[in-house]
Amino acid sequence: MLREVASDALMLALRGADEGLKEKIFGNMSKRAAEMMRDDLEAAPPVKVSDVEGAQKDILGVARRMADAGEIQLGGGGGDDFI
């Protein structure tokens, strides 16, 4: 999914994310890309909350499109047991 989302949109969306989610995202990036994103987040000027929420909604739209296409699976909270 990270390949489908523009890095500037991801950076904007991460401004409103908690540390756990940020670390999950950074853990799925190369070390260099993750460090650059962290540095950019620290140096970025303040932004409107509505801009952050808009970027988050755009990323959610990408995730839903990819889930509908069967490219990713959303929800992953367990669920069905197999015997």
C-alpha atoms as a PDB file:
ATOM      1  CA  MET A   1       0.000   0.000   0.000  1.00  0.00           C
ATOM      2  CA  LEU A   2       2.899   2.370   0.675  1.00  0.00           C
ATOM      3  CA  ARG A   3       3.771   2.277  -3.025  1.00  0.00           C
ATOM      4  CA  GLU A   4       0.267   3.478  -3.913  1.00  0.00           C
ATOM      5  CA  VAL A   5       0.324   6.522  -1.617  1.00  0.00           C
ATOM      6  CA  ALA A   6       2.339   9.649  -2.433  1.00  0.00           C
ATOM      7  CA  SER A   7       5.006  10.328   0.174  1.00  0.00           C
ATOM      8  CA  ASP A   8       3.807  13.893   0.775  1.00  0.00           C
ATOM      9  CA  ALA A   9       0.270  12.627   1.455  1.00  0.00           C
ATOM     10  CA  LEU A  10       1.658   9.960   3.777  1.00  0.00           C
ATOM     11  CA  MET A  11       3.729  12.512   5.655  1.00  0.00           C
ATOM     12  CA  LEU A  12       0.713  14.779   6.065  1.00  0.00           C
ATOM     13  CA  ALA A  13      -1.482  11.894   7.257  1.00  0.00           C
ATOM     14  CA  LEU A  14       1.137  10.750   9.760  1.00  0.00           C
ATOM     15  CA  ARG A  15       1.046  14.141  11.443  1.00  0.00           C
ATOM     16  CA  GLY A  16      -2.134  13.071  13.216  1.00  0.00           C
ATOM     17  CA  ALA A  17      -1.190   9.440  13.851  1.00  0.00           C
ATOM     18  CA  ASP A  18      -0.155   7.964  17.174  1.00  0.00           C
ATOM     19  CA  GLU A  19       3.405   6.705  17.676  1.00  0.00           C
ATOM     20  CA  GLY A  20       2.408   3.038  17.369  1.00  0.00           C
ATOM     21  CA  LEU A  21       0.959   3.544  13.906  1.00  0.00           C
ATOM     22  CA  LYS A  22       3.917   5.651  12.820  1.00  0.00           C
ATOM     23  CA  GLU A  23       6.324   2.917  13.899  1.00  0.00           C
ATOM     24  CA  LYS A  24       4.253   0.309  12.038  1.00  0.00           C
ATOM     25  CA  ILE A  25       4.481   2.395   8.859  1.00  0.00           C
ATOM     26  CA  PHE A  26       8.185   3.107   9.309  1.00  0.00           C
ATOM     27  CA  GLY A  27       8.830  -0.591   9.934  1.00  0.00           C
ATOM     28  CA  ASN A  28       7.474  -1.338   6.465  1.00  0.00           C
ATOM     29  CA  MET A  29       9.783   1.169   4.776  1.00  0.00           C
ATOM     30  CA  SER A  30      13.494   0.990   4.076  1.00  0.00           C
ATOM     31  CA  LYS A  31      15.587   2.328   6.946  1.00  0.00           C
ATOM     32  CA  ARG A  32      16.719   5.272   4.864  1.00  0.00           C
ATOM     33  CA  ALA A  33      13.209   6.194   3.734  1.00  0.00           C
ATOM     34  CA  ALA A  34      11.890   5.868   7.297  1.00  0.00           C
ATOM     35  CA  GLU A  35      14.638   8.114   8.681  1.00  0.00           C
ATOM     36  CA  MET A  36      14.036  10.699   5.973  1.00  0.00           C
ATOM     37  CA  MET A  37      10.290  10.644   6.728  1.00  0.00           C
ATOM     38  CA  ARG A  38      10.956  11.038  10.472  1.00  0.00           C
ATOM     39  CA  ASP A  39      13.278  13.989   9.820  1.00  0.00           C
ATOM     40  CA  ASP A  40      10.741  15.586   7.487  1.00  0.00           C
ATOM     41  CA  LEU A  41       7.968  15.159  10.063  1.00  0.00           C
ATOM     42  CA  GLU A  42      10.070  16.844  12.751  1.00  0.00           C
ATOM     43  CA  ALA A  43      11.025  19.757  10.501  1.00  0.00           C
ATOM     44  CA  ALA A  44       7.601  20.312   8.927  1.00  0.00           C
ATOM     45  CA  PRO A  45       5.661  23.458   9.820  1.00  0.00           C
ATOM     46  CA  PRO A  46       2.244  23.234  11.499  1.00  0.00           C
ATOM     47  CA  VAL A  47      -0.684  22.246   9.285  1.00  0.00           C
ATOM     48  CA  LYS A  48      -4.440  22.455   9.599  1.00  0.00           C
ATOM     49  CA  VAL A  49      -6.189  19.506  11.211  1.00  0.00           C
ATOM     50  CA  SER A  50      -8.580  19.419   8.258  1.00  0.00           C
ATOM     51  CA  ASP A  51      -5.613  18.912   5.897  1.00  0.00           C
ATOM     52  CA  VAL A  52      -4.343  15.999   8.000  1.00  0.00           C
ATOM     53  CA  GLU A  53      -7.800  14.430   8.131  1.00  0.00           C
ATOM     54  CA  GLY A  54      -8.183  14.869   4.369  1.00  0.00           C
ATOM     55  CA  ALA A  55      -4.886  13.067   3.727  1.00  0.00           C
ATOM     56  CA  GLN A  56      -5.943  10.268   6.090  1.00  0.00           C
ATOM     57  CA  LYS A  57      -9.252   9.897   4.224  1.00  0.00           C
ATOM     58  CA  ASP A  58      -7.414   9.749   0.897  1.00  0.00           C
ATOM     59  CA  ILE A  59      -5.175   6.951   2.197  1.00  0.00           C
ATOM     60  CA  LEU A  60      -8.197   5.114   3.557  1.00  0.00           C
ATOM     61  CA  GLY A  61      -9.734   5.366   0.084  1.00  0.00           C
ATOM     62  CA  VAL A  62      -6.608   3.785  -1.427  1.00  0.00           C
ATOM     63  CA  ALA A  63      -6.749   1.000   1.167  1.00  0.00           C
ATOM     64  CA  ARG A  64     -10.412   0.292   0.475  1.00  0.00           C
ATOM     65  CA  ARG A  65      -9.824   0.258  -3.294  1.00  0.00           C
ATOM     66  CA  MET A  66      -6.950  -2.186  -2.863  1.00  0.00           C
ATOM     67  CA  ALA A  67      -9.033  -4.364  -0.531  1.00  0.00           C
ATOM     68  CA  ASP A  68     -11.901  -4.420  -3.030  1.00  0.00           C
ATOM     69  CA  ALA A  69      -9.433  -5.494  -5.724  1.00  0.00           C
ATOM     70  CA  GLY A  70      -8.145  -8.290  -3.456  1.00  0.00           C
ATOM     71  CA  GLU A  71      -4.654  -6.779  -3.284  1.00  0.00           C
ATOM     72  CA  ILE A  72      -4.692  -6.357   0.502  1.00  0.00           C
ATOM     73  CA  GLN A  73      -6.794  -7.579   3.377  1.00  0.00           C
ATOM     74  CA  LEU A  74      -8.197  -5.160   5.927  1.00  0.00           C
ATOM     75  CA  GLY A  75      -9.208  -5.939   9.467  1.00  0.00           C
ATOM     76  CA  GLY A  76      -6.612  -8.593  10.319  1.00  0.00           C
ATOM     77  CA  GLY A  77      -7.867  -8.822  13.906  1.00  0.00           C
ATOM     78  CA  GLY A  78      -8.154 -12.588  13.872  1.00  0.00           C
ATOM     79  CA  GLY A  79     -11.671 -13.791  13.437  1.00  0.00           C
ATOM     80  CA  ASP A  80     -12.211 -17.139  11.794  1.00  0.00           C
ATOM     81  CA  ASP A  81     -10.748 -20.262  13.335  1.00  0.00           C
ATOM     82  CA  PHE A  82      -9.858 -23.267  11.240  1.00  0.00           C
ATOM     83  CA  ILE A  83      -9.990 -26.901  12.286  1.00  0.00           C
END
